[in-house]
Amino acid sequence: MNWNRKIRQFHRWVSIAFTLAVIANIAAMGMEEPVVWIGLLALVPLVLLLLTGLYLFALPYTVKRRDIAG
């Protein structure tokens, strides 16, 4: 099982969920009385995007260190 591939795929799907949450947030802001929890809905995928994005960003540097050390 290739964890890097799984995390990259998970990152892509979470980005779609984040985009949908932002669209829902924009639509909710157009309502007369916006619902507060819809504004917070985008935070969950945003945190997941941050974590997986940082992992994917650091991945090439950790591979280079393994190649140099090994």
C-alpha atoms as a PDB file:
ATOM      1  CA  MET A   1       0.000   0.000   0.000  1.00  0.00           C
ATOM      2  CA  ASN A   2       1.432   3.342  -1.044  1.00  0.00           C
ATOM      3  CA  TRP A   3       0.608   5.873   1.699  1.00  0.00           C
ATOM      4  CA  ASN A   4       1.808   8.838  -0.316  1.00  0.00           C
ATOM      5  CA  ARG A   5      -0.637   8.050  -3.105  1.00  0.00           C
ATOM      6  CA  LYS A   6      -3.500   7.566  -0.626  1.00  0.00           C
ATOM      7  CA  ILE A   7      -2.782  10.873   1.113  1.00  0.00           C
ATOM      8  CA  ARG A   8      -2.537  12.692  -2.227  1.00  0.00           C
ATOM      9  CA  GLN A   9      -5.910  11.254  -3.302  1.00  0.00           C
ATOM     10  CA  PHE A  10      -7.440  12.142   0.077  1.00  0.00           C
ATOM     11  CA  HIS A  11      -6.097  15.695  -0.315  1.00  0.00           C
ATOM     12  CA  ARG A  12      -7.799  16.001  -3.702  1.00  0.00           C
ATOM     13  CA  TRP A  13     -11.176  14.824  -2.388  1.00  0.00           C
ATOM     14  CA  VAL A  14     -10.970  17.096   0.635  1.00  0.00           C
ATOM     15  CA  SER A  15     -10.251  20.034  -1.673  1.00  0.00           C
ATOM     16  CA  ILE A  16     -13.517  19.279  -3.485  1.00  0.00           C
ATOM     17  CA  ALA A  17     -15.359  19.168  -0.140  1.00  0.00           C
ATOM     18  CA  PHE A  18     -13.768  22.488   0.838  1.00  0.00           C
ATOM     19  CA  THR A  19     -14.832  24.078  -2.444  1.00  0.00           C
ATOM     20  CA  LEU A  20     -18.412  22.909  -1.925  1.00  0.00           C
ATOM     21  CA  ALA A  21     -18.393  24.223   1.649  1.00  0.00           C
ATOM     22  CA  VAL A  22     -17.186  27.635   0.463  1.00  0.00           C
ATOM     23  CA  ILE A  23     -19.912  27.728  -2.200  1.00  0.00           C
ATOM     24  CA  ALA A  24     -22.498  26.840   0.465  1.00  0.00           C
ATOM     25  CA  ASN A  25     -21.094  29.581   2.672  1.00  0.00           C
ATOM     26  CA  ILE A  26     -21.401  32.161  -0.110  1.00  0.00           C
ATOM     27  CA  ALA A  27     -24.953  31.049  -0.830  1.00  0.00           C
ATOM     28  CA  ALA A  28     -25.846  31.245   2.863  1.00  0.00           C
ATOM     29  CA  MET A  29     -24.486  34.776   3.117  1.00  0.00           C
ATOM     30  CA  GLY A  30     -27.059  35.828   0.527  1.00  0.00           C
ATOM     31  CA  MET A  31     -29.907  34.774   2.794  1.00  0.00           C
ATOM     32  CA  GLU A  32     -31.741  37.305   4.940  1.00  0.00           C
ATOM     33  CA  GLU A  33     -30.575  35.660   8.153  1.00  0.00           C
ATOM     34  CA  PRO A  34     -27.391  33.673   7.466  1.00  0.00           C
ATOM     35  CA  VAL A  35     -26.911  30.434   9.371  1.00  0.00           C
ATOM     36  CA  VAL A  36     -23.752  30.594  11.488  1.00  0.00           C
ATOM     37  CA  TRP A  37     -22.831  26.900  11.355  1.00  0.00           C
ATOM     38  CA  ILE A  38     -22.548  26.982   7.556  1.00  0.00           C
ATOM     39  CA  GLY A  39     -19.754  29.514   7.939  1.00  0.00           C
ATOM     40  CA  LEU A  40     -17.928  27.099  10.215  1.00  0.00           C
ATOM     41  CA  LEU A  41     -18.547  24.189   7.856  1.00  0.00           C
ATOM     42  CA  ALA A  42     -15.545  25.083   5.706  1.00  0.00           C
ATOM     43  CA  LEU A  43     -13.131  24.925   8.637  1.00  0.00           C
ATOM     44  CA  VAL A  44     -13.122  21.128   8.912  1.00  0.00           C
ATOM     45  CA  PRO A  45     -11.869  20.441   5.377  1.00  0.00           C
ATOM     46  CA  LEU A  46      -9.564  23.458   5.643  1.00  0.00           C
ATOM     47  CA  VAL A  47      -7.750  21.928   8.619  1.00  0.00           C
ATOM     48  CA  LEU A  48      -7.471  18.593   6.800  1.00  0.00           C
ATOM     49  CA  LEU A  49      -6.119  20.399   3.730  1.00  0.00           C
ATOM     50  CA  LEU A  50      -3.538  22.133   5.898  1.00  0.00           C
ATOM     51  CA  LEU A  51      -2.318  18.881   7.443  1.00  0.00           C
ATOM     52  CA  THR A  52      -2.185  16.861   4.233  1.00  0.00           C
ATOM     53  CA  GLY A  53      -0.748  19.805   2.293  1.00  0.00           C
ATOM     54  CA  LEU A  54       2.089  20.226   4.775  1.00  0.00           C
ATOM     55  CA  TYR A  55       2.805  16.508   4.569  1.00  0.00           C
ATOM     56  CA  LEU A  56       2.871  16.584   0.773  1.00  0.00           C
ATOM     57  CA  PHE A  57       5.031  19.720   0.821  1.00  0.00           C
ATOM     58  CA  ALA A  58       7.616  18.115   3.114  1.00  0.00           C
ATOM     59  CA  LEU A  59       7.601  14.781   1.291  1.00  0.00           C
ATOM     60  CA  PRO A  60      10.247  15.551  -1.374  1.00  0.00           C
ATOM     61  CA  TYR A  61      12.639  16.902   1.268  1.00  0.00           C
ATOM     62  CA  THR A  62      12.347  13.807   3.448  1.00  0.00           C
ATOM     63  CA  VAL A  63      12.921  11.555   0.435  1.00  0.00           C
ATOM     64  CA  LYS A  64      16.080  13.486  -0.460  1.00  0.00           C
ATOM     65  CA  ARG A  65      17.390  13.111   3.075  1.00  0.00           C
ATOM     66  CA  ARG A  66      16.714   9.356   3.016  1.00  0.00           C
ATOM     67  CA  ASP A  67      18.567   9.040  -0.305  1.00  0.00           C
ATOM     68  CA  ILE A  68      21.559  11.007   0.983  1.00  0.00           C
ATOM     69  CA  ALA A  69      21.738   9.139   4.290  1.00  0.00           C
ATOM     70  CA  GLY A  70      21.158   5.717   2.753  1.00  0.00           C
END
